[in-house]
């Protein structure tokens, strides 16, 4: 009897992880290829005293198809990935890479400066540096 790999659950994105678990169970367990449709890029957010740093895995998404919205207390990343086959007459044999639109929103605990966001998209990884607002000293 095969066992499913253990993956700890993080509460902040529980609904997404439950959806992924069912998708893995239904499609990965028996070697059936996964569905094409909506997808969610994996995103890591790090914090320093001065900034937030974001790394998002978004291979195959052109830079002009990535939309970033930063407000004082939130970050939103959205975009679109199209099918990658250049041969239009080709038929899919196994389609595991997801395509379509994605949208992710994250609350930011500390106020940030939305006008000073630094962005780089290299080798399929979007990297952001979001500076925190400087606190004004209390008299």
N, C-alpha and C. Protein backbone atom coordinates (compact mmCIF):
# COMPACT_ATOMS: atom_id res chain seq x y z
N UNK A 1 0.85 -1.17 0.00
CA UNK A 1 0.00 0.00 0.00
C UNK A 1 0.89 1.23 0.00
N UNK A 2 0.70 2.13 -0.97
CA UNK A 2 1.54 3.33 -1.03
C UNK A 2 1.02 4.38 -0.05
N UNK A 3 1.94 5.19 0.41
CA UNK A 3 1.59 6.26 1.34
C UNK A 3 1.82 7.59 0.67
N UNK A 4 0.95 8.55 0.97
CA UNK A 4 1.13 9.90 0.44
C UNK A 4 2.23 10.59 1.22
N UNK A 5 3.02 11.46 0.57
CA UNK A 5 4.07 12.16 1.30
C UNK A 5 3.47 13.13 2.32
N UNK A 6 4.16 13.29 3.44
CA UNK A 6 3.71 14.19 4.49
C UNK A 6 4.09 15.62 4.15
N UNK A 7 3.12 16.51 4.17
CA UNK A 7 3.35 17.93 3.95
C UNK A 7 2.63 18.67 5.07
N UNK A 8 3.35 19.37 5.94
CA UNK A 8 2.69 20.09 7.03
C UNK A 8 1.76 21.18 6.49
N UNK A 9 0.67 21.41 7.18
CA UNK A 9 -0.32 22.41 6.75
C UNK A 9 -0.03 23.73 7.46
N UNK A 10 -0.03 24.80 6.68
CA UNK A 10 0.10 26.15 7.24
C UNK A 10 -1.27 26.78 7.18
N UNK A 11 -1.72 27.32 8.26
CA UNK A 11 -3.08 27.82 8.38
C UNK A 11 -3.37 29.01 7.46
N UNK A 12 -2.39 29.87 7.19
CA UNK A 12 -2.67 31.09 6.44
C UNK A 12 -3.20 30.84 5.02
N UNK A 13 -2.93 29.71 4.41
CA UNK A 13 -3.47 29.42 3.10
C UNK A 13 -4.07 28.02 3.07
N UNK A 14 -4.85 27.70 4.08
CA UNK A 14 -5.41 26.37 4.26
C UNK A 14 -6.31 25.96 3.09
N UNK A 15 -7.17 26.85 2.63
CA UNK A 15 -8.08 26.51 1.53
C UNK A 15 -7.30 26.12 0.29
N UNK A 16 -6.26 26.87 -0.05
CA UNK A 16 -5.44 26.56 -1.21
C UNK A 16 -4.76 25.20 -1.03
N UNK A 17 -4.27 24.90 0.17
CA UNK A 17 -3.60 23.64 0.40
C UNK A 17 -4.57 22.45 0.35
N UNK A 18 -5.80 22.65 0.80
CA UNK A 18 -6.80 21.59 0.70
C UNK A 18 -7.11 21.31 -0.76
N UNK A 19 -7.28 22.38 -1.57
CA UNK A 19 -7.52 22.20 -3.00
C UNK A 19 -6.35 21.46 -3.65
N UNK A 20 -5.14 21.84 -3.29
CA UNK A 20 -3.95 21.19 -3.86
C UNK A 20 -3.87 19.72 -3.44
N UNK A 21 -4.21 19.43 -2.18
CA UNK A 21 -4.17 18.05 -1.70
C UNK A 21 -5.14 17.17 -2.48
N UNK A 22 -6.37 17.66 -2.72
CA UNK A 22 -7.33 16.89 -3.51
C UNK A 22 -6.85 16.73 -4.95
N UNK A 23 -6.27 17.80 -5.51
CA UNK A 23 -5.75 17.72 -6.87
C UNK A 23 -4.62 16.69 -6.95
N UNK A 24 -3.69 16.71 -5.98
CA UNK A 24 -2.60 15.73 -5.94
C UNK A 24 -3.15 14.31 -5.80
N UNK A 25 -4.14 14.15 -4.94
CA UNK A 25 -4.72 12.82 -4.71
C UNK A 25 -5.40 12.28 -5.96
N UNK A 26 -6.20 13.13 -6.61
CA UNK A 26 -6.97 12.68 -7.76
C UNK A 26 -6.13 12.51 -9.01
N UNK A 27 -5.09 13.33 -9.17
CA UNK A 27 -4.34 13.31 -10.42
C UNK A 27 -2.96 12.70 -10.28
N UNK A 28 -2.27 12.96 -9.19
CA UNK A 28 -0.90 12.48 -9.06
C UNK A 28 -0.80 11.03 -8.64
N UNK A 29 -1.71 10.55 -7.83
CA UNK A 29 -1.64 9.21 -7.27
C UNK A 29 -1.65 8.13 -8.32
N UNK A 30 -2.46 8.28 -9.35
CA UNK A 30 -2.61 7.23 -10.35
C UNK A 30 -1.95 7.58 -11.67
N UNK A 31 -1.13 8.59 -11.69
CA UNK A 31 -0.39 8.94 -12.90
C UNK A 31 -1.22 9.66 -13.94
N UNK A 32 -2.38 10.14 -13.56
CA UNK A 32 -3.22 10.89 -14.48
C UNK A 32 -2.70 12.32 -14.50
N UNK A 33 -2.62 12.89 -15.68
CA UNK A 33 -2.10 14.25 -15.79
C UNK A 33 -3.07 15.24 -15.17
N UNK A 34 -2.51 16.30 -14.59
CA UNK A 34 -3.31 17.30 -13.91
C UNK A 34 -4.12 18.14 -14.87
N UNK A 35 -5.10 18.84 -14.35
CA UNK A 35 -5.96 19.66 -15.20
C UNK A 35 -5.27 20.95 -15.59
N UNK A 36 -5.71 21.52 -16.70
CA UNK A 36 -5.27 22.86 -17.03
C UNK A 36 -6.33 23.79 -16.48
N UNK A 37 -5.95 24.92 -16.01
CA UNK A 37 -6.90 25.85 -15.43
C UNK A 37 -6.18 26.82 -14.53
N UNK A 38 -6.87 27.32 -13.55
CA UNK A 38 -6.26 28.32 -12.69
C UNK A 38 -5.09 27.71 -11.93
N UNK A 39 -4.15 28.54 -11.58
CA UNK A 39 -2.97 28.09 -10.85
C UNK A 39 -2.53 29.21 -9.93
N UNK A 40 -1.74 28.88 -8.97
CA UNK A 40 -1.24 29.85 -7.99
C UNK A 40 0.27 29.70 -7.90
N UNK A 41 1.01 30.75 -8.25
CA UNK A 41 2.47 30.65 -8.11
C UNK A 41 2.85 30.57 -6.63
N UNK A 42 3.94 29.87 -6.37
CA UNK A 42 4.44 29.78 -5.00
C UNK A 42 5.21 31.06 -4.68
N UNK A 43 4.93 31.62 -3.50
CA UNK A 43 5.49 32.92 -3.13
C UNK A 43 6.04 32.85 -1.72
N UNK A 44 7.25 33.38 -1.55
CA UNK A 44 7.87 33.51 -0.23
C UNK A 44 7.98 35.00 0.08
N UNK A 45 7.68 35.36 1.33
CA UNK A 45 7.82 36.75 1.78
C UNK A 45 8.72 36.75 3.01
N UNK A 46 9.75 37.58 2.96
CA UNK A 46 10.69 37.73 4.07
C UNK A 46 10.59 39.16 4.58
N UNK A 47 10.93 39.34 5.84
CA UNK A 47 10.85 40.67 6.44
C UNK A 47 12.15 41.00 7.15
N UNK A 48 12.61 42.24 6.94
CA UNK A 48 13.73 42.79 7.69
C UNK A 48 13.19 44.02 8.42
N UNK A 49 13.98 44.64 9.28
CA UNK A 49 13.48 45.84 9.96
C UNK A 49 13.09 46.96 9.00
N UNK A 50 13.70 46.98 7.78
CA UNK A 50 13.46 48.09 6.85
C UNK A 50 12.54 47.76 5.68
N UNK A 51 12.40 46.48 5.33
CA UNK A 51 11.70 46.12 4.09
C UNK A 51 11.07 44.73 4.16
N UNK A 52 10.18 44.50 3.18
CA UNK A 52 9.70 43.16 2.88
C UNK A 52 10.38 42.74 1.58
N UNK A 53 10.74 41.47 1.47
CA UNK A 53 11.31 40.91 0.25
C UNK A 53 10.38 39.78 -0.20
N UNK A 54 10.06 39.77 -1.48
CA UNK A 54 9.13 38.80 -2.04
C UNK A 54 9.82 38.05 -3.17
N UNK A 55 9.67 36.73 -3.17
CA UNK A 55 10.15 35.89 -4.27
C UNK A 55 8.96 35.06 -4.74
N UNK A 56 8.64 35.19 -6.03
CA UNK A 56 7.50 34.47 -6.61
C UNK A 56 7.98 33.65 -7.79
N UNK A 57 7.66 32.36 -7.79
CA UNK A 57 8.00 31.49 -8.92
C UNK A 57 6.91 31.62 -9.97
N UNK A 58 7.24 32.28 -11.07
CA UNK A 58 6.26 32.50 -12.14
C UNK A 58 6.89 32.24 -13.51
N UNK A 59 7.41 31.03 -13.73
CA UNK A 59 8.01 30.74 -15.03
C UNK A 59 6.99 30.80 -16.15
N UNK A 60 7.43 31.29 -17.29
CA UNK A 60 6.55 31.34 -18.45
C UNK A 60 5.60 32.51 -18.48
N UNK A 61 5.71 33.43 -17.52
CA UNK A 61 4.84 34.61 -17.51
C UNK A 61 5.69 35.81 -17.92
N UNK A 62 5.37 36.42 -19.07
CA UNK A 62 6.14 37.59 -19.50
C UNK A 62 6.02 38.74 -18.49
N UNK A 63 7.07 39.52 -18.38
CA UNK A 63 7.10 40.62 -17.41
C UNK A 63 5.92 41.56 -17.60
N UNK A 64 5.52 41.82 -18.84
CA UNK A 64 4.40 42.74 -19.06
C UNK A 64 3.04 42.13 -18.73
N UNK A 65 3.01 40.84 -18.40
CA UNK A 65 1.77 40.18 -17.97
C UNK A 65 1.69 40.03 -16.44
N UNK A 66 2.67 40.58 -15.72
CA UNK A 66 2.67 40.52 -14.26
C UNK A 66 2.25 41.89 -13.73
N UNK A 67 1.20 41.90 -12.94
CA UNK A 67 0.68 43.15 -12.39
C UNK A 67 0.84 43.14 -10.87
N UNK A 68 1.47 44.18 -10.37
CA UNK A 68 1.74 44.28 -8.94
C UNK A 68 1.05 45.52 -8.41
N UNK A 69 0.32 45.34 -7.32
CA UNK A 69 -0.33 46.47 -6.65
C UNK A 69 0.08 46.43 -5.18
N UNK A 70 0.69 47.53 -4.75
CA UNK A 70 1.11 47.64 -3.36
C UNK A 70 0.36 48.82 -2.75
N UNK A 71 -0.34 48.55 -1.67
CA UNK A 71 -0.96 49.62 -0.89
C UNK A 71 -0.21 49.69 0.43
N UNK A 72 -0.62 50.56 1.29
CA UNK A 72 0.10 50.75 2.55
C UNK A 72 0.22 49.47 3.37
N UNK A 73 -0.80 48.60 3.29
CA UNK A 73 -0.79 47.39 4.12
C UNK A 73 -1.10 46.11 3.35
N UNK A 74 -0.92 46.10 2.01
CA UNK A 74 -1.17 44.86 1.27
C UNK A 74 -0.35 44.81 -0.02
N UNK A 75 -0.18 43.58 -0.48
CA UNK A 75 0.51 43.31 -1.74
C UNK A 75 -0.38 42.40 -2.57
N UNK A 76 -0.60 42.75 -3.83
CA UNK A 76 -1.34 41.91 -4.76
C UNK A 76 -0.48 41.66 -5.99
N UNK A 77 -0.44 40.40 -6.41
CA UNK A 77 0.28 40.02 -7.62
C UNK A 77 -0.68 39.21 -8.48
N UNK A 78 -0.80 39.60 -9.74
CA UNK A 78 -1.67 38.88 -10.67
C UNK A 78 -0.99 38.78 -12.02
N UNK A 79 -1.49 37.89 -12.85
CA UNK A 79 -0.90 37.75 -14.17
C UNK A 79 -1.58 36.68 -14.97
N UNK A 80 -0.95 36.35 -16.10
CA UNK A 80 -1.53 35.41 -17.05
C UNK A 80 -0.41 34.60 -17.69
N UNK A 81 -0.59 33.29 -17.75
CA UNK A 81 0.36 32.42 -18.46
C UNK A 81 -0.40 31.67 -19.54
N UNK A 82 0.15 31.73 -20.77
CA UNK A 82 -0.48 31.06 -21.90
C UNK A 82 0.15 29.69 -22.12
N UNK A 83 -0.48 28.93 -22.97
CA UNK A 83 0.04 27.61 -23.33
C UNK A 83 1.41 27.78 -23.97
N UNK A 84 2.32 26.85 -23.69
CA UNK A 84 3.68 26.97 -24.16
C UNK A 84 4.01 26.28 -25.46
N UNK A 85 3.11 25.53 -26.07
CA UNK A 85 3.43 24.77 -27.28
C UNK A 85 3.45 25.69 -28.49
N UNK A 86 4.57 25.70 -29.20
CA UNK A 86 4.68 26.55 -30.38
C UNK A 86 4.09 25.89 -31.62
N UNK A 87 3.96 24.58 -31.61
CA UNK A 87 3.38 23.85 -32.74
C UNK A 87 1.87 23.77 -32.54
N UNK A 88 1.14 24.56 -33.28
CA UNK A 88 -0.32 24.68 -33.09
C UNK A 88 -1.07 23.40 -33.45
N UNK A 89 -0.53 22.56 -34.32
CA UNK A 89 -1.24 21.34 -34.71
C UNK A 89 -0.96 20.18 -33.75
N UNK A 90 -0.11 20.40 -32.76
CA UNK A 90 0.24 19.34 -31.81
C UNK A 90 -0.93 19.06 -30.87
N UNK A 91 -1.08 17.77 -30.50
CA UNK A 91 -2.09 17.37 -29.54
C UNK A 91 -1.42 17.09 -28.21
N UNK A 92 -2.06 17.48 -27.14
CA UNK A 92 -1.50 17.23 -25.82
C UNK A 92 -1.56 15.76 -25.46
N UNK A 93 -0.47 15.23 -24.97
CA UNK A 93 -0.41 13.85 -24.50
C UNK A 93 -0.54 13.82 -22.99
N UNK A 94 0.16 14.71 -22.34
CA UNK A 94 0.08 14.88 -20.89
C UNK A 94 0.30 16.35 -20.60
N UNK A 95 -0.69 17.00 -20.05
CA UNK A 95 -0.62 18.44 -19.80
C UNK A 95 -0.62 18.69 -18.30
N UNK A 96 0.55 18.90 -17.72
CA UNK A 96 0.66 19.12 -16.28
C UNK A 96 0.87 20.58 -15.93
N UNK A 97 1.48 21.35 -16.83
CA UNK A 97 1.73 22.76 -16.53
C UNK A 97 0.43 23.53 -16.63
N UNK A 98 0.14 24.26 -15.61
CA UNK A 98 -1.11 25.01 -15.60
C UNK A 98 -0.94 26.32 -16.34
N UNK A 99 -2.04 26.77 -16.90
CA UNK A 99 -2.04 28.04 -17.61
C UNK A 99 -3.27 28.82 -17.21
N UNK A 100 -3.31 30.06 -17.60
CA UNK A 100 -4.43 30.91 -17.26
C UNK A 100 -4.02 32.01 -16.31
N UNK A 101 -5.01 32.60 -15.69
CA UNK A 101 -4.73 33.74 -14.82
C UNK A 101 -4.47 33.28 -13.39
N UNK A 102 -3.79 34.15 -12.64
CA UNK A 102 -3.58 33.90 -11.22
C UNK A 102 -3.73 35.23 -10.49
N UNK A 103 -4.03 35.13 -9.21
CA UNK A 103 -4.15 36.32 -8.36
C UNK A 103 -3.80 35.92 -6.93
N UNK A 104 -2.89 36.65 -6.33
CA UNK A 104 -2.50 36.43 -4.93
C UNK A 104 -2.52 37.78 -4.22
N UNK A 105 -3.06 37.79 -2.99
CA UNK A 105 -3.06 39.01 -2.16
C UNK A 105 -2.55 38.64 -0.78
N UNK A 106 -1.68 39.49 -0.24
CA UNK A 106 -1.09 39.26 1.07
C UNK A 106 -1.21 40.51 1.91
N UNK A 107 -1.66 40.38 3.15
CA UNK A 107 -1.65 41.53 4.06
C UNK A 107 -0.22 41.76 4.55
N UNK A 108 0.13 43.02 4.75
CA UNK A 108 1.44 43.38 5.28
C UNK A 108 1.22 44.05 6.64
N UNK A 109 1.83 43.50 7.66
CA UNK A 109 1.61 43.98 9.02
C UNK A 109 2.07 45.42 9.21
N UNK A 110 3.21 45.76 8.63
CA UNK A 110 3.77 47.10 8.79
C UNK A 110 3.49 47.93 7.54
N UNK A 111 3.26 49.22 7.72
CA UNK A 111 2.99 50.11 6.60
C UNK A 111 4.22 50.18 5.69
N UNK A 112 3.96 50.14 4.38
CA UNK A 112 5.04 50.20 3.40
C UNK A 112 4.87 51.43 2.52
N UNK A 113 5.92 51.73 1.77
CA UNK A 113 5.90 52.85 0.83
C UNK A 113 5.63 52.29 -0.57
N UNK A 114 4.40 52.38 -1.07
CA UNK A 114 4.06 51.78 -2.36
C UNK A 114 4.74 52.43 -3.55
N UNK A 115 5.36 53.59 -3.37
CA UNK A 115 6.00 54.31 -4.47
C UNK A 115 7.47 53.95 -4.64
N UNK A 116 8.03 53.15 -3.74
CA UNK A 116 9.46 52.83 -3.80
C UNK A 116 9.71 51.33 -3.98
N UNK A 117 8.78 50.62 -4.57
CA UNK A 117 8.92 49.17 -4.78
C UNK A 117 9.97 48.92 -5.86
N UNK A 118 10.92 48.03 -5.57
CA UNK A 118 11.92 47.62 -6.55
C UNK A 118 11.53 46.23 -7.04
N UNK A 119 11.68 46.01 -8.34
CA UNK A 119 11.19 44.77 -8.96
C UNK A 119 12.21 44.23 -9.95
N UNK A 120 12.34 42.91 -9.97
CA UNK A 120 13.21 42.24 -10.94
C UNK A 120 12.58 40.90 -11.29
N UNK A 121 12.59 40.56 -12.57
CA UNK A 121 12.05 39.28 -13.03
C UNK A 121 13.17 38.58 -13.78
N UNK A 122 13.76 37.56 -13.14
CA UNK A 122 14.91 36.89 -13.73
C UNK A 122 14.74 35.38 -13.60
N UNK A 123 14.91 34.68 -14.72
CA UNK A 123 14.87 33.21 -14.76
C UNK A 123 13.60 32.64 -14.13
N UNK A 124 12.46 33.29 -14.38
CA UNK A 124 11.20 32.78 -13.89
C UNK A 124 10.89 33.10 -12.44
N UNK A 125 11.73 33.92 -11.80
CA UNK A 125 11.48 34.32 -10.42
C UNK A 125 11.32 35.82 -10.35
N UNK A 126 10.17 36.26 -9.86
CA UNK A 126 9.92 37.68 -9.62
C UNK A 126 10.42 38.00 -8.22
N UNK A 127 11.25 39.02 -8.12
CA UNK A 127 11.78 39.46 -6.82
C UNK A 127 11.35 40.89 -6.59
N UNK A 128 10.79 41.15 -5.41
CA UNK A 128 10.37 42.50 -5.04
C UNK A 128 11.05 42.90 -3.74
N UNK A 129 11.38 44.18 -3.64
CA UNK A 129 11.81 44.77 -2.38
C UNK A 129 10.82 45.90 -2.11
N UNK A 130 10.12 45.79 -0.98
CA UNK A 130 9.09 46.77 -0.63
C UNK A 130 9.53 47.46 0.66
N UNK A 131 10.02 48.69 0.57
CA UNK A 131 10.49 49.38 1.78
C UNK A 131 9.33 49.73 2.72
N UNK A 132 9.60 49.58 3.99
CA UNK A 132 8.62 49.99 5.00
C UNK A 132 8.66 51.50 5.15
N UNK A 133 7.53 52.07 5.58
CA UNK A 133 7.50 53.50 5.85
C UNK A 133 8.34 53.78 7.09
N UNK A 134 9.03 54.86 7.04
CA UNK A 134 9.84 55.26 8.19
C UNK A 134 8.92 55.86 9.25
N UNK A 135 9.08 55.40 10.47
CA UNK A 135 8.27 55.93 11.55
C UNK A 135 8.78 57.28 11.97
N UNK A 136 7.85 58.19 12.19
CA UNK A 136 8.24 59.51 12.65
C UNK A 136 8.39 59.46 14.17
N UNK A 137 9.46 60.05 14.67
CA UNK A 137 9.68 60.00 16.13
C UNK A 137 8.56 60.73 16.87
N UNK A 138 8.15 60.13 17.97
CA UNK A 138 7.12 60.73 18.82
C UNK A 138 7.76 61.80 19.72
N UNK A 139 7.15 62.97 19.86
CA UNK A 139 7.71 64.02 20.73
C UNK A 139 7.57 63.70 22.19
